[in-house]
Amino acid sequence: MAATTQIRTYTVREGLLDEWVRRWREEIVPLRLEFGFSLGGAWIDRGRHHFIWEISYDGPEAFAERNRQYWDSPKRAAMALDPKDYLLSTETREVTRVY
């Protein structure tokens, strides 16, 4: 199965961008890596309150199945991190590498 890559753009509530980035870096990233995802990078656009990141999965399950396992995991539940507390909107694009 070929790797699946997504570019995710989140609009973060005003005043919460730095806190979101900190929690993403400290809590979300380690668990995503534990579940076999790879991260191509993350960027912020302060003027638009955007957080943009690239996430890929190239394992035995489909991306959607592995993502479901991540969300259903006890470790994810233990984070007590509800994206709705931080994010006004999300946009996810599945992309294919050409270079």
PDB file of N, CA and C in Angstrom:
ATOM      1  N   MET A   1       0.852  -1.178   0.000  1.00  0.00           N
ATOM      2  CA  MET A   1       0.000   0.000   0.000  1.00  0.00           C
ATOM      3  C   MET A   1       0.897   1.240   0.000  1.00  0.00           C
ATOM      4  N   ALA A   2       0.617   2.203  -0.857  1.00  0.00           N
ATOM      5  CA  ALA A   2       1.398   3.434  -0.943  1.00  0.00           C
ATOM      6  C   ALA A   2       1.096   4.327   0.254  1.00  0.00           C
ATOM      7  N   ALA A   3       2.069   5.125   0.616  1.00  0.00           N
ATOM      8  CA  ALA A   3       1.883   6.058   1.722  1.00  0.00           C
ATOM      9  C   ALA A   3       0.752   7.032   1.410  1.00  0.00           C
ATOM     10  N   THR A   4       0.007   7.373   2.421  1.00  0.00           N
ATOM     11  CA  THR A   4      -1.016   8.402   2.325  1.00  0.00           C
ATOM     12  C   THR A   4      -0.493   9.622   3.068  1.00  0.00           C
ATOM     13  N   THR A   5      -0.583  10.768   2.426  1.00  0.00           N
ATOM     14  CA  THR A   5      -0.129  12.016   3.041  1.00  0.00           C
ATOM     15  C   THR A   5      -1.268  13.019   3.039  1.00  0.00           C
ATOM     16  N   GLN A   6      -1.406  13.695   4.161  1.00  0.00           N
ATOM     17  CA  GLN A   6      -2.405  14.744   4.286  1.00  0.00           C
ATOM     18  C   GLN A   6      -1.727  16.051   4.680  1.00  0.00           C
ATOM     19  N   ILE A   7      -2.235  17.127   4.120  1.00  0.00           N
ATOM     20  CA  ILE A   7      -1.888  18.469   4.564  1.00  0.00           C
ATOM     21  C   ILE A   7      -3.111  18.970   5.326  1.00  0.00           C
ATOM     22  N   ARG A   8      -2.889  19.328   6.580  1.00  0.00           N
ATOM     23  CA  ARG A   8      -3.996  19.777   7.420  1.00  0.00           C
ATOM     24  C   ARG A   8      -3.794  21.240   7.784  1.00  0.00           C
ATOM     25  N   THR A   9      -4.835  22.021   7.590  1.00  0.00           N
ATOM     26  CA  THR A   9      -4.801  23.435   7.946  1.00  0.00           C
ATOM     27  C   THR A   9      -5.887  23.682   8.987  1.00  0.00           C
ATOM     28  N   TYR A  10      -5.463  24.170  10.125  1.00  0.00           N
ATOM     29  CA  TYR A  10      -6.393  24.461  11.215  1.00  0.00           C
ATOM     30  C   TYR A  10      -6.436  25.966  11.450  1.00  0.00           C
ATOM     31  N   THR A  11      -7.617  26.499  11.620  1.00  0.00           N
ATOM     32  CA  THR A  11      -7.771  27.874  12.074  1.00  0.00           C
ATOM     33  C   THR A  11      -7.956  27.809  13.582  1.00  0.00           C
ATOM     34  N   VAL A  12      -7.011  28.406  14.286  1.00  0.00           N
ATOM     35  CA  VAL A  12      -6.957  28.310  15.749  1.00  0.00           C
ATOM     36  C   VAL A  12      -7.623  29.549  16.358  1.00  0.00           C
ATOM     37  N   ARG A  13      -8.311  29.329  17.457  1.00  0.00           N
ATOM     38  CA  ARG A  13      -8.974  30.438  18.156  1.00  0.00           C
ATOM     39  C   ARG A  13      -7.933  31.510  18.512  1.00  0.00           C
ATOM     40  N   GLU A  14      -8.347  32.755  18.371  1.00  0.00           N
ATOM     41  CA  GLU A  14      -7.451  33.870  18.652  1.00  0.00           C
ATOM     42  C   GLU A  14      -6.894  33.767  20.074  1.00  0.00           C
ATOM     43  N   GLY A  15      -5.588  33.957  20.185  1.00  0.00           N
ATOM     44  CA  GLY A  15      -4.918  33.915  21.478  1.00  0.00           C
ATOM     45  C   GLY A  15      -4.473  32.529  21.916  1.00  0.00           C
ATOM     46  N   LEU A  16      -4.819  31.484  21.158  1.00  0.00           N
ATOM     47  CA  LEU A  16      -4.495  30.117  21.571  1.00  0.00           C
ATOM     48  C   LEU A  16      -3.477  29.432  20.665  1.00  0.00           C
ATOM     49  N   LEU A  17      -2.939  30.132  19.676  1.00  0.00           N
ATOM     50  CA  LEU A  17      -2.027  29.501  18.724  1.00  0.00           C
ATOM     51  C   LEU A  17      -0.789  28.935  19.406  1.00  0.00           C
ATOM     52  N   ASP A  18      -0.142  29.708  20.252  1.00  0.00           N
ATOM     53  CA  ASP A  18       1.075  29.218  20.913  1.00  0.00           C
ATOM     54  C   ASP A  18       0.787  28.035  21.831  1.00  0.00           C
ATOM     55  N   GLU A  19      -0.314  28.095  22.556  1.00  0.00           N
ATOM     56  CA  GLU A  19      -0.680  26.970  23.426  1.00  0.00           C
ATOM     57  C   GLU A  19      -0.987  25.724  22.596  1.00  0.00           C
ATOM     58  N   TRP A  20      -1.707  25.904  21.473  1.00  0.00           N
ATOM     59  CA  TRP A  20      -1.995  24.779  20.601  1.00  0.00           C
ATOM     60  C   TRP A  20      -0.702  24.152  20.094  1.00  0.00           C
ATOM     61  N   VAL A  21       0.227  24.962  19.614  1.00  0.00           N
ATOM     62  CA  VAL A  21       1.499  24.450  19.089  1.00  0.00           C
ATOM     63  C   VAL A  21       2.248  23.686  20.180  1.00  0.00           C
ATOM     64  N   ARG A  22       2.281  24.222  21.382  1.00  0.00           N
ATOM     65  CA  ARG A  22       2.968  23.545  22.484  1.00  0.00           C
ATOM     66  C   ARG A  22       2.340  22.185  22.766  1.00  0.00           C
ATOM     67  N   ARG A  23       1.033  22.143  22.872  1.00  0.00           N
ATOM     68  CA  ARG A  23       0.365  20.875  23.171  1.00  0.00           C
ATOM     69  C   ARG A  23       0.506  19.896  22.016  1.00  0.00           C
ATOM     70  N   TRP A  24       0.409  20.387  20.785  1.00  0.00           N
ATOM     71  CA  TRP A  24       0.597  19.530  19.606  1.00  0.00           C
ATOM     72  C   TRP A  24       1.981  18.903  19.653  1.00  0.00           C
ATOM     73  N   ARG A  25       2.997  19.731  19.892  1.00  0.00           N
ATOM     74  CA  ARG A  25       4.383  19.263  19.908  1.00  0.00           C
ATOM     75  C   ARG A  25       4.639  18.270  21.052  1.00  0.00           C
ATOM     76  N   GLU A  26       4.132  18.586  22.235  1.00  0.00           N
ATOM     77  CA  GLU A  26       4.427  17.777  23.425  1.00  0.00           C
ATOM     78  C   GLU A  26       3.541  16.542  23.572  1.00  0.00           C
ATOM     79  N   GLU A  27       2.307  16.591  23.098  1.00  0.00           N
ATOM     80  CA  GLU A  27       1.370  15.505  23.333  1.00  0.00           C
ATOM     81  C   GLU A  27       0.984  14.745  22.063  1.00  0.00           C
ATOM     82  N   ILE A  28       0.605  15.480  21.031  1.00  0.00           N
ATOM     83  CA  ILE A  28       0.104  14.831  19.823  1.00  0.00           C
ATOM     84  C   ILE A  28       1.224  14.181  19.032  1.00  0.00           C
ATOM     85  N   VAL A  29       2.309  14.917  18.804  1.00  0.00           N
ATOM     86  CA  VAL A  29       3.406  14.377  17.986  1.00  0.00           C
ATOM     87  C   VAL A  29       3.930  13.049  18.512  1.00  0.00           C
ATOM     88  N   PRO A  30       4.292  12.941  19.799  1.00  0.00           N
ATOM     89  CA  PRO A  30       4.828  11.651  20.262  1.00  0.00           C
ATOM     90  C   PRO A  30       3.871  10.481  20.052  1.00  0.00           C
ATOM     91  N   LEU A  31       2.574  10.699  20.272  1.00  0.00           N
ATOM     92  CA  LEU A  31       1.617   9.608  20.101  1.00  0.00           C
ATOM     93  C   LEU A  31       1.414   9.287  18.627  1.00  0.00           C
ATOM     94  N   ARG A  32       1.377  10.292  17.780  1.00  0.00           N
ATOM     95  CA  ARG A  32       1.280  10.027  16.337  1.00  0.00           C
ATOM     96  C   ARG A  32       2.463   9.180  15.875  1.00  0.00           C
ATOM     97  N   LEU A  33       3.655   9.527  16.325  1.00  0.00           N
ATOM     98  CA  LEU A  33       4.847   8.753  15.951  1.00  0.00           C
ATOM     99  C   LEU A  33       4.762   7.333  16.492  1.00  0.00           C
ATOM    100  N   GLU A  34       4.271   7.177  17.703  1.00  0.00           N
ATOM    101  CA  GLU A  34       4.092   5.848  18.292  1.00  0.00           C
ATOM    102  C   GLU A  34       3.151   4.987  17.447  1.00  0.00           C
ATOM    103  N   PHE A  35       2.169   5.611  16.820  1.00  0.00           N
ATOM    104  CA  PHE A  35       1.224   4.892  15.975  1.00  0.00           C
ATOM    105  C   PHE A  35       1.718   4.716  14.545  1.00  0.00           C
ATOM    106  N   GLY A  36       2.965   5.102  14.282  1.00  0.00           N
ATOM    107  CA  GLY A  36       3.561   4.844  12.978  1.00  0.00           C
ATOM    108  C   GLY A  36       3.371   5.935  11.937  1.00  0.00           C
ATOM    109  N   PHE A  37       2.817   7.057  12.341  1.00  0.00           N
ATOM    110  CA  PHE A  37       2.684   8.180  11.424  1.00  0.00           C
ATOM    111  C   PHE A  37       4.035   8.884  11.316  1.00  0.00           C
ATOM    112  N   SER A  38       4.257   9.567  10.211  1.00  0.00           N
ATOM    113  CA  SER A  38       5.430  10.431  10.088  1.00  0.00           C
ATOM    114  C   SER A  38       4.948  11.839   9.802  1.00  0.00           C
ATOM    115  N   LEU A  39       5.734  12.793  10.253  1.00  0.00           N
ATOM    116  CA  LEU A  39       5.360  14.191  10.105  1.00  0.00           C
ATOM    117  C   LEU A  39       6.381  14.879   9.230  1.00  0.00           C
ATOM    118  N   GLY A  40       5.890  15.526   8.171  1.00  0.00           N
ATOM    119  CA  GLY A  40       6.779  16.181   7.229  1.00  0.00           C
ATOM    120  C   GLY A  40       7.123  17.600   7.618  1.00  0.00           C
ATOM    121  N   GLY A  41       6.422  18.156   8.572  1.00  0.00           N
ATOM    122  CA  GLY A  41       6.676  19.516   9.020  1.00  0.00           C
ATOM    123  C   GLY A  41       5.411  20.150   9.535  1.00  0.00           C
ATOM    124  N   ALA A  42       5.601  21.295  10.178  1.00  0.00           N
ATOM    125  CA  ALA A  42       4.472  22.066  10.694  1.00  0.00           C
ATOM    126  C   ALA A  42       4.838  23.541  10.607  1.00  0.00           C
ATOM    127  N   TRP A  43       3.836  24.353  10.302  1.00  0.00           N
ATOM    128  CA  TRP A  43       4.047  25.779  10.099  1.00  0.00           C
ATOM    129  C   TRP A  43       2.906  26.552  10.726  1.00  0.00           C
ATOM    130  N   ILE A  44       3.174  27.811  11.088  1.00  0.00           N
ATOM    131  CA  ILE A  44       2.105  28.687  11.555  1.00  0.00           C
ATOM    132  C   ILE A  44       2.054  29.929  10.669  1.00  0.00           C
ATOM    133  N   ASP A  45       0.859  30.429  10.497  1.00  0.00           N
ATOM    134  CA  ASP A  45       0.597  31.690   9.808  1.00  0.00           C
ATOM    135  C   ASP A  45      -0.125  32.545  10.846  1.00  0.00           C
ATOM    136  N   ARG A  46       0.649  33.340  11.573  1.00  0.00           N
ATOM    137  CA  ARG A  46       0.069  34.110  12.683  1.00  0.00           C
ATOM    138  C   ARG A  46      -1.016  35.074  12.224  1.00  0.00           C
ATOM    139  N   GLY A  47      -0.831  35.674  11.064  1.00  0.00           N
ATOM    140  CA  GLY A  47      -1.807  36.642  10.578  1.00  0.00           C
ATOM    141  C   GLY A  47      -3.184  36.054  10.367  1.00  0.00           C
ATOM    142  N   ARG A  48      -3.235  34.795  10.005  1.00  0.00           N
ATOM    143  CA  ARG A  48      -4.517  34.117   9.761  1.00  0.00           C
ATOM    144  C   ARG A  48      -4.892  33.161  10.890  1.00  0.00           C
ATOM    145  N   HIS A  49      -4.053  33.068  11.912  1.00  0.00           N
ATOM    146  CA  HIS A  49      -4.280  32.138  13.031  1.00  0.00           C
ATOM    147  C   HIS A  49      -4.322  30.699  12.525  1.00  0.00           C
ATOM    148  N   HIS A  50      -3.485  30.401  11.528  1.00  0.00           N
ATOM    149  CA  HIS A  50      -3.460  29.064  10.942  1.00  0.00           C
ATOM    150  C   HIS A  50      -2.293  28.242  11.478  1.00  0.00           C
ATOM    151  N   PHE A  51      -2.572  26.975  11.657  1.00  0.00           N
ATOM    152  CA  PHE A  51      -1.568  25.964  11.961  1.00  0.00           C
ATOM    153  C   PHE A  51      -1.677  24.942  10.836  1.00  0.00           C
ATOM    154  N   ILE A  52      -0.565  24.720  10.140  1.00  0.00           N
ATOM    155  CA  ILE A  52      -0.546  23.825   8.979  1.00  0.00           C
ATOM    156  C   ILE A  52       0.465  22.725   9.247  1.00  0.00           C
ATOM    157  N   TRP A  53       0.065  21.475   8.986  1.00  0.00           N
ATOM    158  CA  TRP A  53       1.026  20.388   9.174  1.00  0.00           C
ATOM    159  C   TRP A  53       0.817  19.292   8.162  1.00  0.00           C
ATOM    160  N   GLU A  54       1.876  18.520   7.966  1.00  0.00           N
ATOM    161  CA  GLU A  54       1.877  17.402   7.028  1.00  0.00           C
ATOM    162  C   GLU A  54       2.032  16.109   7.813  1.00  0.00           C
ATOM    163  N   ILE A  55       1.134  15.176   7.572  1.00  0.00           N
ATOM    164  CA  ILE A  55       1.159  13.883   8.250  1.00  0.00           C
ATOM    165  C   ILE A  55       1.012  12.776   7.209  1.00  0.00           C
ATOM    166  N   SER A  56       1.807  11.705   7.381  1.00  0.00           N
ATOM    167  CA  SER A  56       1.770  10.570   6.452  1.00  0.00           C
ATOM    168  C   SER A  56       1.692   9.272   7.226  1.00  0.00           C
ATOM    169  N   TYR A  57       1.183   8.264   6.534  1.00  0.00           N
ATOM    170  CA  TYR A  57       1.181   6.909   7.090  1.00  0.00           C
ATOM    171  C   TYR A  57       1.450   5.938   5.950  1.00  0.00           C
ATOM    172  N   ASP A  58       2.396   5.040   6.205  1.00  0.00           N
ATOM    173  CA  ASP A  58       2.780   4.042   5.205  1.00  0.00           C
ATOM    174  C   ASP A  58       2.936   2.704   5.921  1.00  0.00           C
ATOM    175  N   GLY A  59       1.833   2.182   6.414  1.00  0.00           N
ATOM    176  CA  GLY A  59       1.871   0.938   7.165  1.00  0.00           C
ATOM    177  C   GLY A  59       0.894  -0.069   6.609  1.00  0.00           C
ATOM    178  N   PRO A  60       0.668  -1.138   7.361  1.00  0.00           N
ATOM    179  CA  PRO A  60      -0.176  -2.222   6.872  1.00  0.00           C
ATOM    180  C   PRO A  60      -1.659  -1.858   6.771  1.00  0.00           C
ATOM    181  N   GLU A  61      -2.130  -0.931   7.611  1.00  0.00           N
ATOM    182  CA  GLU A  61      -3.534  -0.523   7.543  1.00  0.00           C
ATOM    183  C   GLU A  61      -3.666   0.698   6.642  1.00  0.00           C
ATOM    184  N   ALA A  62      -4.875   0.997   6.264  1.00  0.00           N
ATOM    185  CA  ALA A  62      -5.150   2.242   5.553  1.00  0.00           C
ATOM    186  C   ALA A  62      -4.999   3.405   6.533  1.00  0.00           C
ATOM    187  N   PHE A  63      -4.725   4.572   6.006  1.00  0.00           N
ATOM    188  CA  PHE A  63      -4.567   5.774   6.824  1.00  0.00           C
ATOM    189  C   PHE A  63      -5.774   5.942   7.749  1.00  0.00           C
ATOM    190  N   ALA A  64      -6.980   5.839   7.184  1.00  0.00           N
ATOM    191  CA  ALA A  64      -8.202   6.062   7.963  1.00  0.00           C
ATOM    192  C   ALA A  64      -8.311   5.083   9.127  1.00  0.00           C
ATOM    193  N   GLU A  65      -7.949   3.834   8.909  1.00  0.00           N
ATOM    194  CA  GLU A  65      -8.012   2.828   9.980  1.00  0.00           C
ATOM    195  C   GLU A  65      -6.996   3.136  11.067  1.00  0.00           C
ATOM    196  N   ARG A  66      -5.797   3.478  10.678  1.00  0.00           N
ATOM    197  CA  ARG A  66      -4.765   3.789  11.678  1.00  0.00           C
ATOM    198  C   ARG A  66      -5.131   5.060  12.431  1.00  0.00           C
ATOM    199  N   ASN A  67      -5.721   6.015  11.734  1.00  0.00           N
ATOM    200  CA  ASN A  67      -6.152   7.246  12.381  1.00  0.00           C
ATOM    201  C   ASN A  67      -7.251   6.950  13.408  1.00  0.00           C
ATOM    202  N   ARG A  68      -8.169   6.057  13.052  1.00  0.00           N
ATOM    203  CA  ARG A  68      -9.224   5.663  13.996  1.00  0.00           C
ATOM    204  C   ARG A  68      -8.619   5.020  15.232  1.00  0.00           C
ATOM    205  N   GLN A  69      -7.624   4.153  15.044  1.00  0.00           N
ATOM    206  CA  GLN A  69      -6.959   3.507  16.173  1.00  0.00           C
ATOM    207  C   GLN A  69      -6.290   4.536  17.083  1.00  0.00           C
ATOM    208  N   TYR A  70      -5.675   5.533  16.467  1.00  0.00           N
ATOM    209  CA  TYR A  70      -5.063   6.627  17.236  1.00  0.00           C
ATOM    210  C   TYR A  70      -6.120   7.317  18.098  1.00  0.00           C
ATOM    211  N   TRP A  71      -7.228   7.711  17.469  1.00  0.00           N
ATOM    212  CA  TRP A  71      -8.272   8.434  18.206  1.00  0.00           C
ATOM    213  C   TRP A  71      -8.939   7.578  19.276  1.00  0.00           C
ATOM    214  N   ASP A  72      -9.038   6.277  19.061  1.00  0.00           N
ATOM    215  CA  ASP A  72      -9.681   5.378  20.016  1.00  0.00           C
ATOM    216  C   ASP A  72      -8.750   4.909  21.131  1.00  0.00           C
ATOM    217  N   SER A  73      -7.491   5.263  21.054  1.00  0.00           N
ATOM    218  CA  SER A  73      -6.518   4.747  22.020  1.00  0.00           C
ATOM    219  C   SER A  73      -6.701   5.380  23.403  1.00  0.00           C
ATOM    220  N   PRO A  74      -6.439   4.611  24.445  1.00  0.00           N
ATOM    221  CA  PRO A  74      -6.498   5.146  25.810  1.00  0.00           C
ATOM    222  C   PRO A  74      -5.517   6.306  26.022  1.00  0.00           C
ATOM    223  N   LYS A  75      -4.370   6.260  25.361  1.00  0.00           N
ATOM    224  CA  LYS A  75      -3.402   7.351  25.511  1.00  0.00           C
ATOM    225  C   LYS A  75      -3.952   8.648  24.929  1.00  0.00           C
ATOM    226  N   ARG A  76      -4.681   8.567  23.828  1.00  0.00           N
ATOM    227  CA  ARG A  76      -5.268   9.782  23.249  1.00  0.00           C
ATOM    228  C   ARG A  76      -6.348  10.313  24.173  1.00  0.00           C
ATOM    229  N   ALA A  77      -7.160   9.440  24.732  1.00  0.00           N
ATOM    230  CA  ALA A  77      -8.204   9.869  25.662  1.00  0.00           C
ATOM    231  C   ALA A  77      -7.606  10.516  26.906  1.00  0.00           C
ATOM    232  N   ALA A  78      -6.471  10.000  27.356  1.00  0.00           N
ATOM    233  CA  ALA A  78      -5.822  10.521  28.557  1.00  0.00           C
ATOM    234  C   ALA A  78      -5.273  11.936  28.378  1.00  0.00           C
ATOM    235  N   MET A  79      -5.098  12.361  27.137  1.00  0.00           N
ATOM    236  CA  MET A  79      -4.595  13.720  26.890  1.00  0.00           C
ATOM    237  C   MET A  79      -5.563  14.787  27.391  1.00  0.00           C
ATOM    238  N   ALA A  80      -6.839  14.466  27.411  1.00  0.00           N
ATOM    239  CA  ALA A  80      -7.855  15.465  27.759  1.00  0.00           C
ATOM    240  C   ALA A  80      -7.659  16.705  26.901  1.00  0.00           C
ATOM    241  N   LEU A  81      -7.498  16.480  25.613  1.00  0.00           N
ATOM    242  CA  LEU A  81      -7.285  17.545  24.638  1.00  0.00           C
ATOM    243  C   LEU A  81      -8.364  17.439  23.572  1.00  0.00           C
ATOM    244  N   ASP A  82      -9.347  18.307  23.672  1.00  0.00           N
ATOM    245  CA  ASP A  82     -10.436  18.333  22.696  1.00  0.00           C
ATOM    246  C   ASP A  82     -10.106  19.404  21.663  1.00  0.00           C
ATOM    247  N   PRO A  83      -9.895  19.009  20.404  1.00  0.00           N
ATOM    248  CA  PRO A  83      -9.559  20.001  19.382  1.00  0.00           C
ATOM    249  C   PRO A  83     -10.561  21.159  19.299  1.00  0.00           C
ATOM    250  N   LYS A  84     -11.825  20.908  19.604  1.00  0.00           N
ATOM    251  CA  LYS A  84     -12.837  21.961  19.536  1.00  0.00           C
ATOM    252  C   LYS A  84     -12.553  23.111  20.496  1.00  0.00           C
ATOM    253  N   ASP A  85     -11.773  22.850  21.549  1.00  0.00           N
ATOM    254  CA  ASP A  85     -11.409  23.912  22.489  1.00  0.00           C
ATOM    255  C   ASP A  85     -10.416  24.889  21.867  1.00  0.00           C
ATOM    256  N   TYR A  86      -9.731  24.455  20.812  1.00  0.00           N
ATOM    257  CA  TYR A  86      -8.685  25.258  20.188  1.00  0.00           C
ATOM    258  C   TYR A  86      -8.996  25.660  18.752  1.00  0.00           C
ATOM    259  N   LEU A  87      -9.684  24.809  18.034  1.00  0.00           N
ATOM    260  CA  LEU A  87      -9.805  24.989  16.587  1.00  0.00           C
ATOM    261  C   LEU A  87     -11.182  25.477  16.170  1.00  0.00           C
ATOM    262  N   LEU A  88     -11.183  26.512  15.336  1.00  0.00           N
ATOM    263  CA  LEU A  88     -12.437  27.016  14.772  1.00  0.00           C
ATOM    264  C   LEU A  88     -12.838  26.227  13.537  1.00  0.00           C
ATOM    265  N   SER A  89     -11.831  25.804  12.753  1.00  0.00           N
ATOM    266  CA  SER A  89     -12.115  25.026  11.551  1.00  0.00           C
ATOM    267  C   SER A  89     -10.897  24.201  11.182  1.00  0.00           C
ATOM    268  N   THR A  90     -11.149  23.161  10.409  1.00  0.00           N
ATOM    269  CA  THR A  90     -10.073  22.306   9.909  1.00  0.00           C
ATOM    270  C   THR A  90     -10.302  22.042   8.430  1.00  0.00           C
ATOM    271  N   GLU A  91      -9.207  21.954   7.706  1.00  0.00           N
ATOM    272  CA  GLU A  91      -9.250  21.579   6.300  1.00  0.00           C
ATOM    273  C   GLU A  91      -8.198  20.508   6.090  1.00  0.00           C
ATOM    274  N   THR A  92      -8.591  19.398   5.518  1.00  0.00           N
ATOM    275  CA  THR A  92      -7.672  18.289   5.266  1.00  0.00           C
ATOM    276  C   THR A  92      -7.643  17.997   3.776  1.00  0.00           C
ATOM    277  N   ARG A  93      -6.436  17.975   3.245  1.00  0.00           N
ATOM    278  CA  ARG A  93      -6.248  17.630   1.836  1.00  0.00           C
ATOM    279  C   ARG A  93      -5.343  16.425   1.745  1.00  0.00           C
ATOM    280  N   GLU A  94      -5.781  15.410   1.011  1.00  0.00           N
ATOM    281  CA  GLU A  94      -4.926  14.269   0.745  1.00  0.00           C
ATOM    282  C   GLU A  94      -4.136  14.594  -0.519  1.00  0.00           C
ATOM    283  N   VAL A  95      -2.820  14.463  -0.431  1.00  0.00           N
ATOM    284  CA  VAL A  95      -1.959  14.863  -1.541  1.00  0.00           C
ATOM    285  C   VAL A  95      -1.064  13.696  -1.943  1.00  0.00           C
ATOM    286  N   THR A  96      -0.553  13.770  -3.172  1.00  0.00           N
ATOM    287  CA  THR A  96       0.345  12.774  -3.705  1.00  0.00           C
ATOM    288  C   THR A  96       1.655  13.442  -4.077  1.00  0.00           C
ATOM    289  N   ARG A  97       2.744  12.885  -3.580  1.00  0.00           N
ATOM    290  CA  ARG A  97       4.073  13.447  -3.867  1.00  0.00           C
ATOM    291  C   ARG A  97       4.432  13.200  -5.328  1.00  0.00           C
ATOM    292  N   VAL A  98       4.910  14.232  -5.990  1.00  0.00           N
ATOM    293  CA  VAL A  98       5.355  14.107  -7.374  1.00  0.00           C
ATOM    294  C   VAL A  98       6.854  14.363  -7.508  1.00  0.00           C
ATOM    295  N   TYR A  99       7.474  14.841  -6.414  1.00  0.00           N
ATOM    296  CA  TYR A  99       8.917  15.070  -6.439  1.00  0.00           C
ATOM    297  C   TYR A  99       9.468  14.889  -5.057  1.00  0.00           C
TER     298      TYR A  99
END
